């Protein structure tokens, strides 16, 4: 993954190649514009990942639950479920 900066003029000339590189190599491109009104170009997959992360960390309750889950994994307090066990648990709710 690389982050590069290109001018708006360069984007106009090479849009296909630049967008292909963004998708194929998970690159980020900073499109520089006058008066420091820059824009970042990233793949839809990367954008969706950022949105999900922001959602998960968006509330104090979620952050606490995630921290607790990470702590449990680090301490080895985990249980692996079979597909059947997971299906049974998910249908009980």
PDB file of N, CA and C in Angstrom:
ATOM      1  N   UNK A   1       0.858  -1.166   0.000  1.00  0.00           N
ATOM      2  CA  UNK A   1       0.000   0.000   0.000  1.00  0.00           C
ATOM      3  C   UNK A   1       0.905   1.229   0.000  1.00  0.00           C
ATOM      4  N   UNK A   2       0.563   2.159  -0.843  1.00  0.00           N
ATOM      5  CA  UNK A   2       1.341   3.391  -0.936  1.00  0.00           C
ATOM      6  C   UNK A   2       0.403   4.582  -0.964  1.00  0.00           C
ATOM      7  N   UNK A   3       0.906   5.688  -0.479  1.00  0.00           N
ATOM      8  CA  UNK A   3       0.179   6.939  -0.594  1.00  0.00           C
ATOM      9  C   UNK A   3       1.002   7.868  -1.463  1.00  0.00           C
ATOM     10  N   UNK A   4       0.379   8.362  -2.496  1.00  0.00           N
ATOM     11  CA  UNK A   4       1.054   9.297  -3.385  1.00  0.00           C
ATOM     12  C   UNK A   4       0.206  10.548  -3.509  1.00  0.00           C
ATOM     13  N   UNK A   5       0.847  11.615  -3.945  1.00  0.00           N
ATOM     14  CA  UNK A   5       0.134  12.865  -4.178  1.00  0.00           C
ATOM     15  C   UNK A   5       0.265  13.222  -5.652  1.00  0.00           C
ATOM     16  N   UNK A   6      -0.857  13.567  -6.266  1.00  0.00           N
ATOM     17  CA  UNK A   6      -0.856  13.980  -7.666  1.00  0.00           C
ATOM     18  C   UNK A   6      -1.731  15.216  -7.798  1.00  0.00           C
ATOM     19  N   UNK A   7      -1.432  16.000  -8.797  1.00  0.00           N
ATOM     20  CA  UNK A   7      -2.220  17.206  -9.030  1.00  0.00           C
ATOM     21  C   UNK A   7      -3.538  16.845  -9.710  1.00  0.00           C
ATOM     22  N   UNK A   8      -4.456  17.747  -9.645  1.00  0.00           N
ATOM     23  CA  UNK A   8      -5.742  17.551 -10.316  1.00  0.00           C
ATOM     24  C   UNK A   8      -5.529  17.403 -11.825  1.00  0.00           C
ATOM     25  N   UNK A   9      -4.538  18.094 -12.362  1.00  0.00           N
ATOM     26  CA  UNK A   9      -4.224  17.969 -13.795  1.00  0.00           C
ATOM     27  C   UNK A   9      -3.749  16.567 -14.128  1.00  0.00           C
ATOM     28  N   UNK A  10      -2.909  15.999 -13.257  1.00  0.00           N
ATOM     29  CA  UNK A  10      -2.399  14.640 -13.470  1.00  0.00           C
ATOM     30  C   UNK A  10      -3.537  13.630 -13.396  1.00  0.00           C
ATOM     31  N   UNK A  11      -4.469  13.829 -12.499  1.00  0.00           N
ATOM     32  CA  UNK A  11      -5.631  12.937 -12.412  1.00  0.00           C
ATOM     33  C   UNK A  11      -6.415  12.962 -13.711  1.00  0.00           C
ATOM     34  N   UNK A  12      -6.626  14.134 -14.240  1.00  0.00           N
ATOM     35  CA  UNK A  12      -7.377  14.249 -15.498  1.00  0.00           C
ATOM     36  C   UNK A  12      -6.702  13.466 -16.622  1.00  0.00           C
ATOM     37  N   UNK A  13      -5.369  13.510 -16.659  1.00  0.00           N
ATOM     38  CA  UNK A  13      -4.625  12.846 -17.734  1.00  0.00           C
ATOM     39  C   UNK A  13      -4.578  11.332 -17.568  1.00  0.00           C
ATOM     40  N   UNK A  14      -4.537  10.853 -16.324  1.00  0.00           N
ATOM     41  CA  UNK A  14      -4.267   9.432 -16.063  1.00  0.00           C
ATOM     42  C   UNK A  14      -5.290   8.778 -15.141  1.00  0.00           C
ATOM     43  N   UNK A  15      -6.542   9.174 -15.248  1.00  0.00           N
ATOM     44  CA  UNK A  15      -7.561   8.684 -14.323  1.00  0.00           C
ATOM     45  C   UNK A  15      -7.660   7.163 -14.306  1.00  0.00           C
ATOM     46  N   UNK A  16      -7.688   6.533 -15.470  1.00  0.00           N
ATOM     47  CA  UNK A  16      -7.841   5.074 -15.515  1.00  0.00           C
ATOM     48  C   UNK A  16      -6.695   4.368 -14.800  1.00  0.00           C
ATOM     49  N   UNK A  17      -5.448   4.722 -15.122  1.00  0.00           N
ATOM     50  CA  UNK A  17      -4.301   4.051 -14.503  1.00  0.00           C
ATOM     51  C   UNK A  17      -4.263   4.296 -12.995  1.00  0.00           C
ATOM     52  N   UNK A  18      -4.509   5.528 -12.599  1.00  0.00           N
ATOM     53  CA  UNK A  18      -4.450   5.850 -11.173  1.00  0.00           C
ATOM     54  C   UNK A  18      -5.536   5.105 -10.404  1.00  0.00           C
ATOM     55  N   UNK A  19      -6.750   5.078 -10.949  1.00  0.00           N
ATOM     56  CA  UNK A  19      -7.822   4.366 -10.240  1.00  0.00           C
ATOM     57  C   UNK A  19      -7.593   2.858 -10.258  1.00  0.00           C
ATOM     58  N   UNK A  20      -7.021   2.326 -11.324  1.00  0.00           N
ATOM     59  CA  UNK A  20      -6.677   0.899 -11.344  1.00  0.00           C
ATOM     60  C   UNK A  20      -5.651   0.578 -10.260  1.00  0.00           C
ATOM     61  N   UNK A  21      -4.636   1.434 -10.108  1.00  0.00           N
ATOM     62  CA  UNK A  21      -3.618   1.213  -9.073  1.00  0.00           C
ATOM     63  C   UNK A  21      -4.226   1.286  -7.675  1.00  0.00           C
ATOM     64  N   UNK A  22      -5.155   2.209  -7.485  1.00  0.00           N
ATOM     65  CA  UNK A  22      -5.819   2.336  -6.183  1.00  0.00           C
ATOM     66  C   UNK A  22      -6.522   1.029  -5.827  1.00  0.00           C
ATOM     67  N   UNK A  23      -7.233   0.459  -6.783  1.00  0.00           N
ATOM     68  CA  UNK A  23      -7.982  -0.782  -6.527  1.00  0.00           C
ATOM     69  C   UNK A  23      -7.043  -1.987  -6.454  1.00  0.00           C
ATOM     70  N   UNK A  24      -6.105  -2.084  -7.390  1.00  0.00           N
ATOM     71  CA  UNK A  24      -5.255  -3.276  -7.473  1.00  0.00           C
ATOM     72  C   UNK A  24      -4.228  -3.371  -6.350  1.00  0.00           C
ATOM     73  N   UNK A  25      -3.731  -2.242  -5.869  1.00  0.00           N
ATOM     74  CA  UNK A  25      -2.642  -2.252  -4.893  1.00  0.00           C
ATOM     75  C   UNK A  25      -3.008  -1.607  -3.563  1.00  0.00           C
ATOM     76  N   UNK A  26      -4.278  -1.336  -3.350  1.00  0.00           N
ATOM     77  CA  UNK A  26      -4.745  -0.661  -2.130  1.00  0.00           C
ATOM     78  C   UNK A  26      -4.022   0.655  -1.881  1.00  0.00           C
ATOM     79  N   UNK A  27      -3.682   1.340  -2.961  1.00  0.00           N
ATOM     80  CA  UNK A  27      -3.030   2.643  -2.837  1.00  0.00           C
ATOM     81  C   UNK A  27      -4.032   3.705  -2.408  1.00  0.00           C
ATOM     82  N   UNK A  28      -3.510   4.759  -1.830  1.00  0.00           N
ATOM     83  CA  UNK A  28      -4.277   5.968  -1.546  1.00  0.00           C
ATOM     84  C   UNK A  28      -3.628   7.083  -2.358  1.00  0.00           C
ATOM     85  N   UNK A  29      -4.433   7.935  -2.919  1.00  0.00           N
ATOM     86  CA  UNK A  29      -3.913   9.043  -3.706  1.00  0.00           C
ATOM     87  C   UNK A  29      -4.466  10.342  -3.146  1.00  0.00           C
ATOM     88  N   UNK A  30      -3.573  11.257  -2.834  1.00  0.00           N
ATOM     89  CA  UNK A  30      -3.985  12.593  -2.429  1.00  0.00           C
ATOM     90  C   UNK A  30      -3.993  13.445  -3.690  1.00  0.00           C
ATOM     91  N   UNK A  31      -5.158  13.928  -4.027  1.00  0.00           N
ATOM     92  CA  UNK A  31      -5.298  14.796  -5.199  1.00  0.00           C
ATOM     93  C   UNK A  31      -5.162  16.229  -4.702  1.00  0.00           C
ATOM     94  N   UNK A  32      -4.064  16.860  -5.115  1.00  0.00           N
ATOM     95  CA  UNK A  32      -3.794  18.220  -4.645  1.00  0.00           C
ATOM     96  C   UNK A  32      -4.532  19.231  -5.512  1.00  0.00           C
ATOM     97  N   UNK A  33      -5.130  20.198  -4.828  1.00  0.00           N
ATOM     98  CA  UNK A  33      -5.899  21.239  -5.502  1.00  0.00           C
ATOM     99  C   UNK A  33      -5.463  22.592  -4.956  1.00  0.00           C
ATOM    100  N   UNK A  34      -5.751  23.640  -5.687  1.00  0.00           N
ATOM    101  CA  UNK A  34      -5.395  24.975  -5.197  1.00  0.00           C
ATOM    102  C   UNK A  34      -6.032  25.264  -3.837  1.00  0.00           C
ATOM    103  N   UNK A  35      -5.393  26.138  -3.089  1.00  0.00           N
ATOM    104  CA  UNK A  35      -5.853  26.593  -1.780  1.00  0.00           C
ATOM    105  C   UNK A  35      -5.990  25.437  -0.780  1.00  0.00           C
ATOM    106  N   UNK A  36      -5.162  24.413  -0.980  1.00  0.00           N
ATOM    107  CA  UNK A  36      -5.117  23.271  -0.051  1.00  0.00           C
ATOM    108  C   UNK A  36      -6.476  22.597   0.135  1.00  0.00           C
ATOM    109  N   UNK A  37      -7.250  22.522  -0.931  1.00  0.00           N
ATOM    110  CA  UNK A  37      -8.565  21.851  -0.908  1.00  0.00           C
ATOM    111  C   UNK A  37      -8.400  20.441  -1.454  1.00  0.00           C
ATOM    112  N   UNK A  38      -7.512  19.689  -0.842  1.00  0.00           N
ATOM    113  CA  UNK A  38      -7.137  18.366  -1.328  1.00  0.00           C
ATOM    114  C   UNK A  38      -8.226  17.324  -1.101  1.00  0.00           C
ATOM    115  N   UNK A  39      -8.137  16.254  -1.877  1.00  0.00           N
ATOM    116  CA  UNK A  39      -9.084  15.150  -1.819  1.00  0.00           C
ATOM    117  C   UNK A  39      -8.283  13.854  -1.762  1.00  0.00           C
ATOM    118  N   UNK A  40      -8.778  12.858  -1.035  1.00  0.00           N
ATOM    119  CA  UNK A  40      -8.124  11.548  -0.979  1.00  0.00           C
ATOM    120  C   UNK A  40      -8.949  10.553  -1.775  1.00  0.00           C
ATOM    121  N   UNK A  41      -8.267   9.802  -2.612  1.00  0.00           N
ATOM    122  CA  UNK A  41      -8.898   8.769  -3.432  1.00  0.00           C
ATOM    123  C   UNK A  41      -8.505   7.411  -2.868  1.00  0.00           C
ATOM    124  N   UNK A  42      -9.515   6.568  -2.593  1.00  0.00           N
ATOM    125  CA  UNK A  42      -9.259   5.205  -2.106  1.00  0.00           C
ATOM    126  C   UNK A  42     -10.289   4.273  -2.725  1.00  0.00           C
ATOM    127  N   UNK A  43     -10.034   2.978  -2.644  1.00  0.00           N
ATOM    128  CA  UNK A  43     -10.968   2.009  -3.210  1.00  0.00           C
ATOM    129  C   UNK A  43     -12.252   1.954  -2.380  1.00  0.00           C
ATOM    130  N   UNK A  44     -13.292   1.457  -3.002  1.00  0.00           N
ATOM    131  CA  UNK A  44     -14.554   1.296  -2.283  1.00  0.00           C
ATOM    132  C   UNK A  44     -14.385   0.306  -1.131  1.00  0.00           C
ATOM    133  N   UNK A  45     -13.611  -0.748  -1.351  1.00  0.00           N
ATOM    134  CA  UNK A  45     -13.357  -1.739  -0.296  1.00  0.00           C
ATOM    135  C   UNK A  45     -12.703  -1.079   0.918  1.00  0.00           C
ATOM    136  N   UNK A  46     -11.716  -0.235   0.669  1.00  0.00           N
ATOM    137  CA  UNK A  46     -11.042   0.475   1.754  1.00  0.00           C
ATOM    138  C   UNK A  46     -11.995   1.448   2.442  1.00  0.00           C
ATOM    139  N   UNK A  47     -12.788   2.157   1.671  1.00  0.00           N
ATOM    140  CA  UNK A  47     -13.760   3.101   2.222  1.00  0.00           C
ATOM    141  C   UNK A  47     -14.763   2.386   3.127  1.00  0.00           C
ATOM    142  N   UNK A  48     -15.276   1.245   2.663  1.00  0.00           N
ATOM    143  CA  UNK A  48     -16.220   0.466   3.476  1.00  0.00           C
ATOM    144  C   UNK A  48     -15.575   0.011   4.779  1.00  0.00           C
ATOM    145  N   UNK A  49     -14.312  -0.369   4.718  1.00  0.00           N
ATOM    146  CA  UNK A  49     -13.584  -0.788   5.916  1.00  0.00           C
ATOM    147  C   UNK A  49     -13.475   0.368   6.918  1.00  0.00           C
ATOM    148  N   UNK A  50     -13.151   1.557   6.428  1.00  0.00           N
ATOM    149  CA  UNK A  50     -13.065   2.736   7.294  1.00  0.00           C
ATOM    150  C   UNK A  50     -14.427   3.030   7.929  1.00  0.00           C
ATOM    151  N   UNK A  51     -15.489   2.951   7.146  1.00  0.00           N
ATOM    152  CA  UNK A  51     -16.827   3.216   7.682  1.00  0.00           C
ATOM    153  C   UNK A  51     -17.169   2.223   8.789  1.00  0.00           C
ATOM    154  N   UNK A  52     -16.858   0.955   8.556  1.00  0.00           N
ATOM    155  CA  UNK A  52     -17.143  -0.071   9.560  1.00  0.00           C
ATOM    156  C   UNK A  52     -16.367   0.192  10.849  1.00  0.00           C
ATOM    157  N   UNK A  53     -15.096   0.538  10.708  1.00  0.00           N
ATOM    158  CA  UNK A  53     -14.271   0.836  11.881  1.00  0.00           C
ATOM    159  C   UNK A  53     -14.833   2.032  12.642  1.00  0.00           C
ATOM    160  N   UNK A  54     -15.185   3.080  11.936  1.00  0.00           N
ATOM    161  CA  UNK A  54     -15.756   4.259  12.599  1.00  0.00           C
ATOM    162  C   UNK A  54     -17.063   3.923  13.307  1.00  0.00           C
ATOM    163  N   UNK A  55     -17.874   3.066  12.682  1.00  0.00           N
ATOM    164  CA  UNK A  55     -19.126   2.651  13.312  1.00  0.00           C
ATOM    165  C   UNK A  55     -18.847   1.872  14.603  1.00  0.00           C
ATOM    166  N   UNK A  56     -17.923   0.907  14.514  1.00  0.00           N
ATOM    167  CA  UNK A  56     -17.632   0.071  15.678  1.00  0.00           C
ATOM    168  C   UNK A  56     -17.032   0.868  16.831  1.00  0.00           C
ATOM    169  N   UNK A  57     -16.264   1.890  16.508  1.00  0.00           N
ATOM    170  CA  UNK A  57     -15.644   2.701  17.551  1.00  0.00           C
ATOM    171  C   UNK A  57     -16.452   3.954  17.868  1.00  0.00           C
ATOM    172  N   UNK A  58     -17.646   4.052  17.295  1.00  0.00           N
ATOM    173  CA  UNK A  58     -18.434   5.272  17.385  1.00  0.00           C
ATOM    174  C   UNK A  58     -19.094   5.541  18.719  1.00  0.00           C
ATOM    175  N   UNK A  59     -19.214   4.537  19.561  1.00  0.00           N
ATOM    176  CA  UNK A  59     -19.822   4.768  20.872  1.00  0.00           C
ATOM    177  C   UNK A  59     -18.915   4.214  21.950  1.00  0.00           C
ATOM    178  N   UNK A  60     -19.014   4.796  23.109  1.00  0.00           N
ATOM    179  CA  UNK A  60     -18.218   4.339  24.253  1.00  0.00           C
ATOM    180  C   UNK A  60     -18.549   2.875  24.587  1.00  0.00           C
ATOM    181  N   UNK A  61     -19.819   2.516  24.499  1.00  0.00           N
ATOM    182  CA  UNK A  61     -20.229   1.145  24.808  1.00  0.00           C
ATOM    183  C   UNK A  61     -19.565   0.145  23.853  1.00  0.00           C
ATOM    184  N   UNK A  62     -19.563   0.458  22.567  1.00  0.00           N
ATOM    185  CA  UNK A  62     -18.911  -0.436  21.592  1.00  0.00           C
ATOM    186  C   UNK A  62     -17.424  -0.552  21.867  1.00  0.00           C
ATOM    187  N   UNK A  63     -16.776   0.588  22.143  1.00  0.00           N
ATOM    188  CA  UNK A  63     -15.331   0.549  22.422  1.00  0.00           C
ATOM    189  C   UNK A  63     -15.030  -0.319  23.633  1.00  0.00           C
ATOM    190  N   UNK A  64     -15.836  -0.205  24.671  1.00  0.00           N
ATOM    191  CA  UNK A  64     -15.626  -1.016  25.880  1.00  0.00           C
ATOM    192  C   UNK A  64     -15.813  -2.505  25.577  1.00  0.00           C
ATOM    193  N   UNK A  65     -16.851  -2.837  24.816  1.00  0.00           N
ATOM    194  CA  UNK A  65     -17.097  -4.242  24.472  1.00  0.00           C
ATOM    195  C   UNK A  65     -15.958  -4.814  23.625  1.00  0.00           C
ATOM    196  N   UNK A  66     -15.469  -4.021  22.669  1.00  0.00           N
ATOM    197  CA  UNK A  66     -14.343  -4.473  21.849  1.00  0.00           C
ATOM    198  C   UNK A  66     -13.088  -4.651  22.691  1.00  0.00           C
ATOM    199  N   UNK A  67     -12.816  -3.716  23.590  1.00  0.00           N
ATOM    200  CA  UNK A  67     -11.654  -3.842  24.481  1.00  0.00           C
ATOM    201  C   UNK A  67     -11.767  -5.106  25.334  1.00  0.00           C
ATOM    202  N   UNK A  68     -12.953  -5.379  25.849  1.00  0.00           N
ATOM    203  CA  UNK A  68     -13.168  -6.576  26.667  1.00  0.00           C
ATOM    204  C   UNK A  68     -12.946  -7.837  25.831  1.00  0.00           C
ATOM    205  N   UNK A  69     -13.441  -7.847  24.605  1.00  0.00           N
ATOM    206  CA  UNK A  69     -13.245  -9.011  23.732  1.00  0.00           C
ATOM    207  C   UNK A  69     -11.776  -9.235  23.421  1.00  0.00           C
ATOM    208  N   UNK A  70     -11.054  -8.169  23.153  1.00  0.00           N
ATOM    209  CA  UNK A  70      -9.619  -8.282  22.869  1.00  0.00           C
ATOM    210  C   UNK A  70      -8.893  -8.821  24.096  1.00  0.00           C
ATOM    211  N   UNK A  71      -9.264  -8.329  25.267  1.00  0.00           N
ATOM    212  CA  UNK A  71      -8.660  -8.807  26.515  1.00  0.00           C
ATOM    213  C   UNK A  71      -8.917 -10.307  26.698  1.00  0.00           C
ATOM    214  N   UNK A  72     -10.144 -10.756  26.435  1.00  0.00           N
ATOM    215  CA  UNK A  72     -10.471 -12.172  26.575  1.00  0.00           C
ATOM    216  C   UNK A  72      -9.640 -13.035  25.624  1.00  0.00           C
ATOM    217  N   UNK A  73      -9.463 -12.574  24.392  1.00  0.00           N
ATOM    218  CA  UNK A  73      -8.659 -13.333  23.427  1.00  0.00           C
ATOM    219  C   UNK A  73      -7.212 -13.413  23.898  1.00  0.00           C
ATOM    220  N   UNK A  74      -6.654 -12.288  24.337  1.00  0.00           N
ATOM    221  CA  UNK A  74      -5.254 -12.265  24.798  1.00  0.00           C
ATOM    222  C   UNK A  74      -5.041 -13.177  25.996  1.00  0.00           C
ATOM    223  N   UNK A  75      -6.047 -13.295  26.843  1.00  0.00           N
ATOM    224  CA  UNK A  75      -5.947 -14.144  28.028  1.00  0.00           C
ATOM    225  C   UNK A  75      -6.316 -15.598  27.741  1.00  0.00           C
ATOM    226  N   UNK A  76      -6.695 -15.885  26.512  1.00  0.00           N
ATOM    227  CA  UNK A  76      -7.028 -17.251  26.129  1.00  0.00           C
ATOM    228  C   UNK A  76      -8.417 -17.695  26.515  1.00  0.00           C
ATOM    229  N   UNK A  77      -9.269 -16.768  26.860  1.00  0.00           N
ATOM    230  CA  UNK A  77     -10.649 -17.094  27.245  1.00  0.00           C
ATOM    231  C   UNK A  77     -11.542 -17.068  26.005  1.00  0.00           C
ATOM    232  N   UNK A  78     -11.331 -18.041  25.153  1.00  0.00           N
ATOM    233  CA  UNK A  78     -12.114 -18.125  23.920  1.00  0.00           C
ATOM    234  C   UNK A  78     -12.650 -19.537  23.761  1.00  0.00           C
ATOM    235  N   UNK A  79     -13.694 -19.659  22.982  1.00  0.00           N
ATOM    236  CA  UNK A  79     -14.273 -20.954  22.687  1.00  0.00           C
ATOM    237  C   UNK A  79     -14.566 -20.998  21.197  1.00  0.00           C
ATOM    238  N   UNK A  80     -14.130 -22.057  20.576  1.00  0.00           N
ATOM    239  CA  UNK A  80     -14.403 -22.232  19.158  1.00  0.00           C
ATOM    240  C   UNK A  80     -15.699 -23.014  19.009  1.00  0.00           C
ATOM    241  N   UNK A  81     -16.596 -22.484  18.193  1.00  0.00           N
ATOM    242  CA  UNK A  81     -17.875 -23.143  17.966  1.00  0.00           C
ATOM    243  C   UNK A  81     -17.885 -23.809  16.604  1.00  0.00           C
ATOM    244  N   UNK A  82     -18.544 -24.947  16.541  1.00  0.00           N
ATOM    245  CA  UNK A  82     -18.773 -25.566  15.239  1.00  0.00           C
ATOM    246  C   UNK A  82     -19.877 -24.781  14.534  1.00  0.00           C
ATOM    247  N   UNK A  83     -20.033 -25.028  13.253  1.00  0.00           N
ATOM    248  CA  UNK A  83     -21.094 -24.362  12.500  1.00  0.00           C
ATOM    249  C   UNK A  83     -22.454 -24.679  13.120  1.00  0.00           C
ATOM    250  N   UNK A  84     -22.647 -25.914  13.510  1.00  0.00           N
ATOM    251  CA  UNK A  84     -23.923 -26.322  14.097  1.00  0.00           C
ATOM    252  C   UNK A  84     -24.188 -25.592  15.419  1.00  0.00           C
ATOM    253  N   UNK A  85     -23.142 -25.484  16.254  1.00  0.00           N
ATOM    254  CA  UNK A  85     -23.299 -24.772  17.527  1.00  0.00           C
ATOM    255  C   UNK A  85     -23.633 -23.298  17.284  1.00  0.00           C
ATOM    256  N   UNK A  86     -22.937 -22.682  16.320  1.00  0.00           N
ATOM    257  CA  UNK A  86     -23.190 -21.278  15.991  1.00  0.00           C
ATOM    258  C   UNK A  86     -24.618 -21.096  15.492  1.00  0.00           C
ATOM    259  N   UNK A  87     -25.042 -21.985  14.583  1.00  0.00           N
ATOM    260  CA  UNK A  87     -26.406 -21.903  14.042  1.00  0.00           C
ATOM    261  C   UNK A  87     -27.435 -22.028  15.151  1.00  0.00           C
ATOM    262  N   UNK A  88     -27.209 -22.949  16.073  1.00  0.00           N
ATOM    263  CA  UNK A  88     -28.136 -23.141  17.181  1.00  0.00           C
ATOM    264  C   UNK A  88     -28.204 -21.892  18.053  1.00  0.00           C
ATOM    265  N   UNK A  89     -27.048 -21.325  18.380  1.00  0.00           N
ATOM    266  CA  UNK A  89     -27.026 -20.126  19.219  1.00  0.00           C
ATOM    267  C   UNK A  89     -27.691 -18.940  18.515  1.00  0.00           C
ATOM    268  N   UNK A  90     -27.428 -18.784  17.225  1.00  0.00           N
ATOM    269  CA  UNK A  90     -27.975 -17.640  16.515  1.00  0.00           C
ATOM    270  C   UNK A  90     -29.470 -17.753  16.303  1.00  0.00           C
ATOM    271  N   UNK A  91     -30.014 -18.970  16.314  1.00  0.00           N
ATOM    272  CA  UNK A  91     -31.463 -19.154  16.153  1.00  0.00           C
ATOM    273  C   UNK A  91     -32.206 -19.038  17.480  1.00  0.00           C
ATOM    274  N   UNK A  92     -31.496 -19.148  18.595  1.00  0.00           N
ATOM    275  CA  UNK A  92     -32.123 -19.028  19.898  1.00  0.00           C
ATOM    276  C   UNK A  92     -32.488 -17.582  20.207  1.00  0.00           C
ATOM    277  N   UNK A  93     -31.804 -16.645  19.569  1.00  0.00           N
ATOM    278  CA  UNK A  93     -32.053 -15.218  19.857  1.00  0.00           C
ATOM    279  C   UNK A  93     -33.126 -14.705  19.022  1.00  0.00           C
TER     280      UNK A  93
END
